């Protein structure tokens, strides 16, 4: 269809606010990814996951098992990129997720299985959540801290962090 969309019939002129296919801008719903000033890690993750997913639970399920590997400054830097209430939940992630104890994963397979269990989705879906959280975290943190976190993780998890 070429030209302006016209609603015909009825009484009166053009209906105010009626837009045709040529007048719509599909980019209006796009969410920019990457480093955006003032955007928290949770907002960056929401842009990657969309509104259908509980981004808070996904974030806690992905970062929670990594807590023993990221003790100290790296975990504190990640928490600083979160809203205060979510940063507190990350500090007590077992309570927030309703778990007794989260074990530190030794490899990528154990880690993905644990994330899948915590988010209650299949492992393939959990893998996409892990990639989204890691990409949002890499975009929110300074490059030197990203490299430090990579160095603290076991090799298989560091490969996931880089991917």
Protein backbone atom coordinates (compact mmCIF):
# COMPACT_ATOMS: atom_id res chain seq x y z
CA UNK A 1 0.00 0.00 0.00
CA UNK A 2 1.49 3.28 -1.07
CA UNK A 3 0.52 6.67 0.27
CA UNK A 4 -1.41 7.80 3.28
CA UNK A 5 -3.91 5.47 4.94
CA UNK A 6 -7.43 6.89 4.89
CA UNK A 7 -10.34 5.64 6.95
CA UNK A 8 -13.46 5.92 4.80
CA UNK A 9 -17.10 5.67 5.50
CA UNK A 10 -19.19 7.11 8.25
CA UNK A 11 -19.75 10.79 8.74
CA UNK A 12 -17.00 13.36 9.09
CA UNK A 13 -13.41 13.77 8.09
CA UNK A 14 -10.28 11.98 9.04
CA UNK A 15 -10.29 10.39 12.50
CA UNK A 16 -7.76 12.03 14.82
CA UNK A 17 -4.99 9.69 15.85
CA UNK A 18 -5.69 7.15 13.09
CA UNK A 19 -2.34 5.96 11.74
CA UNK A 20 -1.80 3.82 8.71
CA UNK A 21 0.94 1.27 8.06
CA UNK A 22 3.14 3.81 6.28
CA UNK A 23 2.96 6.21 9.22
CA UNK A 24 4.03 3.75 11.94
CA UNK A 25 7.60 3.71 13.21
CA UNK A 26 8.50 0.24 14.42
CA UNK A 27 11.61 1.58 16.14
CA UNK A 28 9.47 3.30 18.78
CA UNK A 29 9.39 0.11 20.87
CA UNK A 30 13.11 -0.64 20.67
CA UNK A 31 15.13 -0.61 23.86
CA UNK A 32 18.76 0.39 23.47
CA UNK A 33 21.29 -2.16 24.71
CA UNK A 34 24.78 -1.51 25.98
CA UNK A 35 26.05 1.12 28.36
CA UNK A 36 23.47 3.84 28.97
CA UNK A 37 24.18 6.50 31.61
CA UNK A 38 21.86 6.27 34.61
CA UNK A 39 20.57 2.79 33.74
CA UNK A 40 20.81 0.15 36.46
CA UNK A 41 21.82 -3.43 35.80
CA UNK A 42 18.21 -4.49 36.35
CA UNK A 43 16.96 -2.04 33.71
CA UNK A 44 19.61 -3.22 31.24
CA UNK A 45 18.57 -6.81 31.91
CA UNK A 46 14.90 -5.91 31.43
CA UNK A 47 15.75 -4.48 28.02
CA UNK A 48 17.35 -7.81 27.08
CA UNK A 49 14.70 -10.13 28.53
CA UNK A 50 11.49 -8.20 27.93
CA UNK A 51 8.50 -7.86 30.22
CA UNK A 52 7.43 -11.53 30.15
CA UNK A 53 10.24 -12.62 32.48
CA UNK A 54 10.74 -11.93 36.19
CA UNK A 55 14.07 -10.14 35.77
CA UNK A 56 14.64 -9.92 39.54
CA UNK A 57 14.41 -13.68 40.03
CA UNK A 58 16.54 -14.34 36.94
CA UNK A 59 19.22 -11.94 38.18
CA UNK A 60 19.30 -13.55 41.63
CA UNK A 61 19.31 -17.08 40.19
CA UNK A 62 22.20 -16.30 37.84
CA UNK A 63 24.38 -14.31 40.27
CA UNK A 64 23.50 -16.21 43.45
CA UNK A 65 25.49 -19.39 42.76
CA UNK A 66 28.51 -17.26 41.76
CA UNK A 67 28.63 -15.57 45.18
CA UNK A 68 31.40 -17.77 46.63
CA UNK A 69 33.59 -17.08 43.58
CA UNK A 70 32.98 -13.31 43.64
CA UNK A 71 33.34 -12.51 47.34
CA UNK A 72 34.37 -8.94 48.14
CA UNK A 73 34.79 -6.11 45.66
CA UNK A 74 33.46 -7.84 42.50
CA UNK A 75 30.19 -8.83 44.16
CA UNK A 76 29.98 -5.39 45.77
CA UNK A 77 30.46 -3.72 42.37
CA UNK A 78 27.66 -5.82 40.89
CA UNK A 79 25.43 -4.99 43.86
CA UNK A 80 26.20 -1.27 43.42
CA UNK A 81 24.66 -1.44 39.93
CA UNK A 82 21.37 -2.75 41.36
CA UNK A 83 18.50 -0.99 43.13
CA UNK A 84 19.07 -1.01 46.90
CA UNK A 85 16.37 -3.57 47.72
CA UNK A 86 17.68 -6.00 45.10
CA UNK A 87 21.27 -5.49 46.27
CA UNK A 88 20.15 -6.50 49.76
CA UNK A 89 18.45 -9.58 48.34
CA UNK A 90 21.66 -10.48 46.51
CA UNK A 91 23.47 -10.30 49.86
CA UNK A 92 21.02 -12.86 51.28
CA UNK A 93 20.26 -14.70 48.05
CA UNK A 94 19.33 -18.00 49.72
CA UNK A 95 16.55 -16.26 51.65
CA UNK A 96 15.40 -14.32 48.58
CA UNK A 97 15.14 -17.47 46.46
CA UNK A 98 13.74 -19.63 49.27
CA UNK A 99 16.72 -21.99 49.23
CA UNK A 100 18.64 -23.52 52.10
CA UNK A 101 22.07 -23.22 50.57
CA UNK A 102 23.47 -22.53 47.12
CA UNK A 103 26.58 -24.51 46.22
CA UNK A 104 29.37 -22.88 44.25
CA UNK A 105 29.37 -24.52 40.80
CA UNK A 106 32.54 -26.22 39.64
CA UNK A 107 31.69 -26.21 35.94
CA UNK A 108 29.32 -24.77 33.37
CA UNK A 109 27.04 -27.81 33.30
CA UNK A 110 26.49 -27.77 37.08
CA UNK A 111 25.98 -24.03 36.97
CA UNK A 112 23.36 -24.12 34.18
CA UNK A 113 21.55 -26.97 35.92
CA UNK A 114 21.43 -24.95 39.15
CA UNK A 115 20.20 -21.80 37.37
CA UNK A 116 17.52 -23.85 35.59
CA UNK A 117 16.38 -25.25 38.93
CA UNK A 118 16.27 -21.80 40.54
CA UNK A 119 14.32 -20.12 37.72
CA UNK A 120 12.20 -23.24 37.19
CA UNK A 121 12.76 -23.28 33.42
CA UNK A 122 14.49 -25.78 31.12
CA UNK A 123 18.29 -25.60 30.87
CA UNK A 124 18.15 -24.13 27.34
CA UNK A 125 16.07 -21.22 28.64
CA UNK A 126 18.36 -20.87 31.66
CA UNK A 127 21.35 -20.60 29.30
CA UNK A 128 19.74 -17.65 27.53
CA UNK A 129 19.10 -16.03 30.92
CA UNK A 130 22.74 -16.51 31.88
CA UNK A 131 23.92 -14.93 28.63
CA UNK A 132 21.55 -11.98 29.13
CA UNK A 133 22.64 -11.34 32.73
CA UNK A 134 26.33 -11.68 31.91
CA UNK A 135 26.03 -9.34 28.90
CA UNK A 136 24.11 -6.76 30.95
CA UNK A 137 26.69 -7.00 33.75
CA UNK A 138 29.62 -6.63 31.33
CA UNK A 139 27.93 -3.54 29.90
CA UNK A 140 27.30 -2.00 33.32
CA UNK A 141 30.74 -2.56 34.88
CA UNK A 142 34.05 -0.88 34.07
CA UNK A 143 36.34 -2.99 31.83
CA UNK A 144 38.95 -3.63 34.54
CA UNK A 145 36.30 -5.09 36.86
CA UNK A 146 34.93 -7.23 34.02
CA UNK A 147 38.42 -8.72 33.57
CA UNK A 148 38.78 -9.23 37.34
CA UNK A 149 35.49 -11.14 37.53
CA UNK A 150 36.56 -13.28 34.58
CA UNK A 151 39.79 -14.12 36.40
CA UNK A 152 37.96 -15.17 39.57
CA UNK A 153 35.62 -17.63 37.86
CA UNK A 154 36.54 -21.24 37.07
CA UNK A 155 37.59 -21.69 33.41
CA UNK A 156 34.24 -23.03 32.12
CA UNK A 157 32.30 -20.25 33.86
CA UNK A 158 34.80 -17.65 32.64
CA UNK A 159 34.12 -18.85 29.10
CA UNK A 160 30.39 -18.32 29.72
CA UNK A 161 31.16 -14.84 31.12
CA UNK A 162 33.11 -13.92 27.96
CA UNK A 163 30.59 -15.38 25.48
